[in-house]
Amino acid sequence: MMSMFDDITSLLNAVGLPVGITIILMWFIKYQFDNSRSEREEAREDRQRFDQKMIEGFTEIKVAVEQQNRLISEFLRLK
C-alpha cells in the first residue's frame, strides 16, 4: 500500500498536481468503464441462459398440452 502511495506522490511531484490528478481520474474512469463492460457482459450471458431455460420450459409445457389434447380427443372419439 505504501508503494502505491509513493508512486502517486512521485507522479504528482513529477508532472504537477493538475496533470497528476487528471491522469489519476482518467485511469479511474477507464477502470470504471472496463468494470461496467464486464458486468454488462455477465448480465447478458445470464439473461441468455435464463431465456434458454424459459424456452425449454415452454417447450415442455407445449408437449404436455399437446399430449393432453390428444388423449382428450381419443377419449371423446371412444364415447
N, C-alpha and C. Protein backbone atom coordinates (compact mmCIF):
# COMPACT_ATOMS: atom_id res chain seq x y z
N MET A 1 0.83 -1.19 0.00
CA MET A 1 0.00 0.00 0.00
C MET A 1 0.87 1.25 0.00
N MET A 2 1.94 1.22 0.76
CA MET A 2 2.82 2.37 0.83
C MET A 2 3.50 2.62 -0.51
N SER A 3 3.81 1.56 -1.24
CA SER A 3 4.45 1.71 -2.54
C SER A 3 3.53 2.45 -3.51
N MET A 4 2.25 2.14 -3.47
CA MET A 4 1.29 2.82 -4.34
C MET A 4 1.22 4.31 -3.98
N PHE A 5 1.22 4.59 -2.70
CA PHE A 5 1.19 5.98 -2.24
C PHE A 5 2.45 6.71 -2.69
N ASP A 6 3.59 6.05 -2.58
CA ASP A 6 4.84 6.65 -3.03
C ASP A 6 4.83 6.90 -4.53
N ASP A 7 4.26 5.96 -5.29
CA ASP A 7 4.17 6.13 -6.74
C ASP A 7 3.31 7.33 -7.10
N ILE A 8 2.19 7.46 -6.41
CA ILE A 8 1.29 8.60 -6.67
C ILE A 8 1.97 9.91 -6.30
N THR A 9 2.64 9.92 -5.17
CA THR A 9 3.35 11.13 -4.73
C THR A 9 4.43 11.52 -5.72
N SER A 10 5.20 10.54 -6.19
CA SER A 10 6.25 10.86 -7.16
C SER A 10 5.65 11.33 -8.49
N LEU A 11 4.52 10.77 -8.89
CA LEU A 11 3.84 11.22 -10.10
C LEU A 11 3.41 12.67 -9.96
N LEU A 12 2.82 12.99 -8.83
CA LEU A 12 2.36 14.37 -8.61
C LEU A 12 3.53 15.34 -8.57
N ASN A 13 4.64 14.94 -7.97
CA ASN A 13 5.82 15.80 -7.93
C ASN A 13 6.43 15.96 -9.32
N ALA A 14 6.37 14.94 -10.15
CA ALA A 14 6.99 14.98 -11.47
C ALA A 14 6.19 15.82 -12.47
N VAL A 15 4.89 15.67 -12.48
CA VAL A 15 4.10 16.34 -13.52
C VAL A 15 3.26 17.50 -12.99
N GLY A 16 3.14 17.65 -11.72
CA GLY A 16 2.33 18.71 -11.16
C GLY A 16 0.96 18.19 -10.75
N LEU A 17 0.36 18.87 -9.80
CA LEU A 17 -0.91 18.42 -9.24
C LEU A 17 -2.03 18.34 -10.26
N PRO A 18 -2.31 19.36 -11.06
CA PRO A 18 -3.43 19.27 -12.00
C PRO A 18 -3.27 18.12 -13.01
N VAL A 19 -2.09 17.97 -13.56
CA VAL A 19 -1.85 16.92 -14.54
C VAL A 19 -1.93 15.55 -13.86
N GLY A 20 -1.34 15.45 -12.68
CA GLY A 20 -1.37 14.19 -11.94
C GLY A 20 -2.78 13.76 -11.60
N ILE A 21 -3.58 14.69 -11.10
CA ILE A 21 -4.97 14.38 -10.78
C ILE A 21 -5.73 13.99 -12.04
N THR A 22 -5.46 14.69 -13.15
CA THR A 22 -6.11 14.35 -14.42
C THR A 22 -5.77 12.93 -14.85
N ILE A 23 -4.51 12.54 -14.74
CA ILE A 23 -4.09 11.18 -15.10
C ILE A 23 -4.78 10.16 -14.21
N ILE A 24 -4.80 10.44 -12.91
CA ILE A 24 -5.44 9.51 -11.97
C ILE A 24 -6.92 9.37 -12.29
N LEU A 25 -7.60 10.49 -12.56
CA LEU A 25 -9.03 10.44 -12.88
C LEU A 25 -9.29 9.72 -14.20
N MET A 26 -8.40 9.92 -15.19
CA MET A 26 -8.57 9.20 -16.45
C MET A 26 -8.43 7.70 -16.23
N TRP A 27 -7.46 7.31 -15.41
CA TRP A 27 -7.30 5.88 -15.10
C TRP A 27 -8.55 5.35 -14.40
N PHE A 28 -9.08 6.11 -13.44
CA PHE A 28 -10.26 5.68 -12.71
C PHE A 28 -11.47 5.53 -13.63
N ILE A 29 -11.65 6.48 -14.54
CA ILE A 29 -12.77 6.40 -15.48
C ILE A 29 -12.63 5.17 -16.36
N LYS A 30 -11.43 4.90 -16.85
CA LYS A 30 -11.21 3.71 -17.67
C LYS A 30 -11.48 2.45 -16.86
N TYR A 31 -11.04 2.43 -15.61
CA TYR A 31 -11.29 1.27 -14.74
C TYR A 31 -12.79 1.05 -14.57
N GLN A 32 -13.53 2.12 -14.30
CA GLN A 32 -14.98 2.02 -14.12
C GLN A 32 -15.65 1.55 -15.41
N PHE A 33 -15.22 2.07 -16.54
CA PHE A 33 -15.79 1.69 -17.82
C PHE A 33 -15.55 0.21 -18.11
N ASP A 34 -14.31 -0.25 -17.89
CA ASP A 34 -13.99 -1.67 -18.12
C ASP A 34 -14.76 -2.57 -17.18
N ASN A 35 -14.88 -2.17 -15.93
CA ASN A 35 -15.62 -2.95 -14.95
C ASN A 35 -17.10 -3.02 -15.33
N SER A 36 -17.65 -1.91 -15.77
CA SER A 36 -19.05 -1.87 -16.19
C SER A 36 -19.28 -2.76 -17.41
N ARG A 37 -18.33 -2.75 -18.34
CA ARG A 37 -18.45 -3.59 -19.53
C ARG A 37 -18.49 -5.06 -19.15
N SER A 38 -17.62 -5.48 -18.25
CA SER A 38 -17.61 -6.90 -17.86
C SER A 38 -18.90 -7.27 -17.13
N GLU A 39 -19.44 -6.36 -16.32
CA GLU A 39 -20.71 -6.63 -15.64
C GLU A 39 -21.85 -6.74 -16.65
N ARG A 40 -21.85 -5.89 -17.68
CA ARG A 40 -22.89 -5.97 -18.71
C ARG A 40 -22.80 -7.28 -19.47
N GLU A 41 -21.58 -7.72 -19.78
CA GLU A 41 -21.41 -8.98 -20.49
C GLU A 41 -21.89 -10.16 -19.64
N GLU A 42 -21.58 -10.14 -18.35
CA GLU A 42 -22.07 -11.19 -17.46
C GLU A 42 -23.59 -11.19 -17.39
N ALA A 43 -24.18 -10.00 -17.30
CA ALA A 43 -25.64 -9.90 -17.23
C ALA A 43 -26.27 -10.41 -18.53
N ARG A 44 -25.65 -10.09 -19.66
CA ARG A 44 -26.17 -10.56 -20.95
C ARG A 44 -26.11 -12.08 -21.02
N GLU A 45 -25.00 -12.67 -20.58
CA GLU A 45 -24.88 -14.13 -20.57
C GLU A 45 -25.90 -14.76 -19.64
N ASP A 46 -26.09 -14.17 -18.46
CA ASP A 46 -27.11 -14.67 -17.53
C ASP A 46 -28.49 -14.61 -18.16
N ARG A 47 -28.78 -13.51 -18.84
CA ARG A 47 -30.09 -13.35 -19.48
C ARG A 47 -30.29 -14.39 -20.58
N GLN A 48 -29.23 -14.66 -21.35
CA GLN A 48 -29.34 -15.66 -22.41
C GLN A 48 -29.59 -17.05 -21.82
N ARG A 49 -28.91 -17.38 -20.72
CA ARG A 49 -29.15 -18.66 -20.06
C ARG A 49 -30.59 -18.74 -19.54
N PHE A 50 -31.07 -17.65 -18.94
CA PHE A 50 -32.43 -17.61 -18.43
C PHE A 50 -33.43 -17.78 -19.58
N ASP A 51 -33.22 -17.06 -20.66
CA ASP A 51 -34.11 -17.17 -21.81
C ASP A 51 -34.14 -18.60 -22.35
N GLN A 52 -32.98 -19.24 -22.42
CA GLN A 52 -32.91 -20.61 -22.93
C GLN A 52 -33.70 -21.56 -22.02
N LYS A 53 -33.56 -21.37 -20.71
CA LYS A 53 -34.32 -22.21 -19.77
C LYS A 53 -35.82 -21.98 -19.92
N MET A 54 -36.22 -20.73 -20.13
CA MET A 54 -37.64 -20.43 -20.31
C MET A 54 -38.16 -21.10 -21.59
N ILE A 55 -37.38 -21.03 -22.66
CA ILE A 55 -37.80 -21.67 -23.91
C ILE A 55 -37.95 -23.17 -23.71
N GLU A 56 -36.99 -23.78 -23.01
CA GLU A 56 -37.08 -25.22 -22.74
C GLU A 56 -38.32 -25.54 -21.91
N GLY A 57 -38.61 -24.70 -20.92
CA GLY A 57 -39.79 -24.91 -20.08
C GLY A 57 -41.07 -24.79 -20.88
N PHE A 58 -41.16 -23.76 -21.73
CA PHE A 58 -42.36 -23.60 -22.56
C PHE A 58 -42.52 -24.75 -23.54
N THR A 59 -41.40 -25.25 -24.05
CA THR A 59 -41.46 -26.39 -24.97
C THR A 59 -42.01 -27.62 -24.26
N GLU A 60 -41.56 -27.84 -23.04
CA GLU A 60 -42.08 -28.97 -22.26
C GLU A 60 -43.58 -28.82 -21.99
N ILE A 61 -44.00 -27.61 -21.67
CA ILE A 61 -45.43 -27.35 -21.43
C ILE A 61 -46.22 -27.59 -22.71
N LYS A 62 -45.68 -27.13 -23.84
CA LYS A 62 -46.35 -27.32 -25.13
C LYS A 62 -46.54 -28.80 -25.43
N VAL A 63 -45.49 -29.60 -25.19
CA VAL A 63 -45.57 -31.04 -25.44
C VAL A 63 -46.62 -31.66 -24.52
N ALA A 64 -46.63 -31.26 -23.25
CA ALA A 64 -47.61 -31.81 -22.31
C ALA A 64 -49.04 -31.45 -22.72
N VAL A 65 -49.26 -30.22 -23.15
CA VAL A 65 -50.60 -29.79 -23.57
C VAL A 65 -51.03 -30.56 -24.83
N GLU A 66 -50.10 -30.74 -25.76
CA GLU A 66 -50.42 -31.50 -26.97
C GLU A 66 -50.79 -32.94 -26.63
N GLN A 67 -50.05 -33.55 -25.72
CA GLN A 67 -50.37 -34.92 -25.30
C GLN A 67 -51.74 -34.96 -24.63
N GLN A 68 -52.00 -33.99 -23.80
CA GLN A 68 -53.29 -33.92 -23.11
C GLN A 68 -54.42 -33.76 -24.12
N ASN A 69 -54.23 -32.89 -25.11
CA ASN A 69 -55.26 -32.70 -26.14
C ASN A 69 -55.49 -33.98 -26.94
N ARG A 70 -54.41 -34.68 -27.25
CA ARG A 70 -54.53 -35.92 -27.99
C ARG A 70 -55.31 -36.96 -27.18
N LEU A 71 -55.02 -37.06 -25.90
CA LEU A 71 -55.74 -38.01 -25.04
C LEU A 71 -57.22 -37.65 -24.92
N ILE A 72 -57.50 -36.36 -24.79
CA ILE A 72 -58.90 -35.92 -24.69
C ILE A 72 -59.63 -36.22 -26.00
N SER A 73 -58.98 -35.96 -27.12
CA SER A 73 -59.60 -36.25 -28.43
C SER A 73 -59.89 -37.73 -28.57
N GLU A 74 -58.96 -38.58 -28.18
CA GLU A 74 -59.16 -40.03 -28.25
C GLU A 74 -60.29 -40.46 -27.33
N PHE A 75 -60.35 -39.89 -26.15
CA PHE A 75 -61.40 -40.23 -25.20
C PHE A 75 -62.77 -39.85 -25.75
N LEU A 76 -62.87 -38.66 -26.35
CA LEU A 76 -64.14 -38.20 -26.89
C LEU A 76 -64.57 -39.04 -28.10
N ARG A 77 -63.62 -39.52 -28.89
CA ARG A 77 -63.95 -40.38 -30.03
C ARG A 77 -64.49 -41.72 -29.57
N LEU A 78 -64.01 -42.21 -28.46
CA LEU A 78 -64.43 -43.52 -27.94
C LEU A 78 -65.84 -43.47 -27.34
N LYS A 79 -66.30 -42.33 -26.96
CA LYS A 79 -67.63 -42.21 -26.34
C LYS A 79 -68.74 -42.44 -27.29
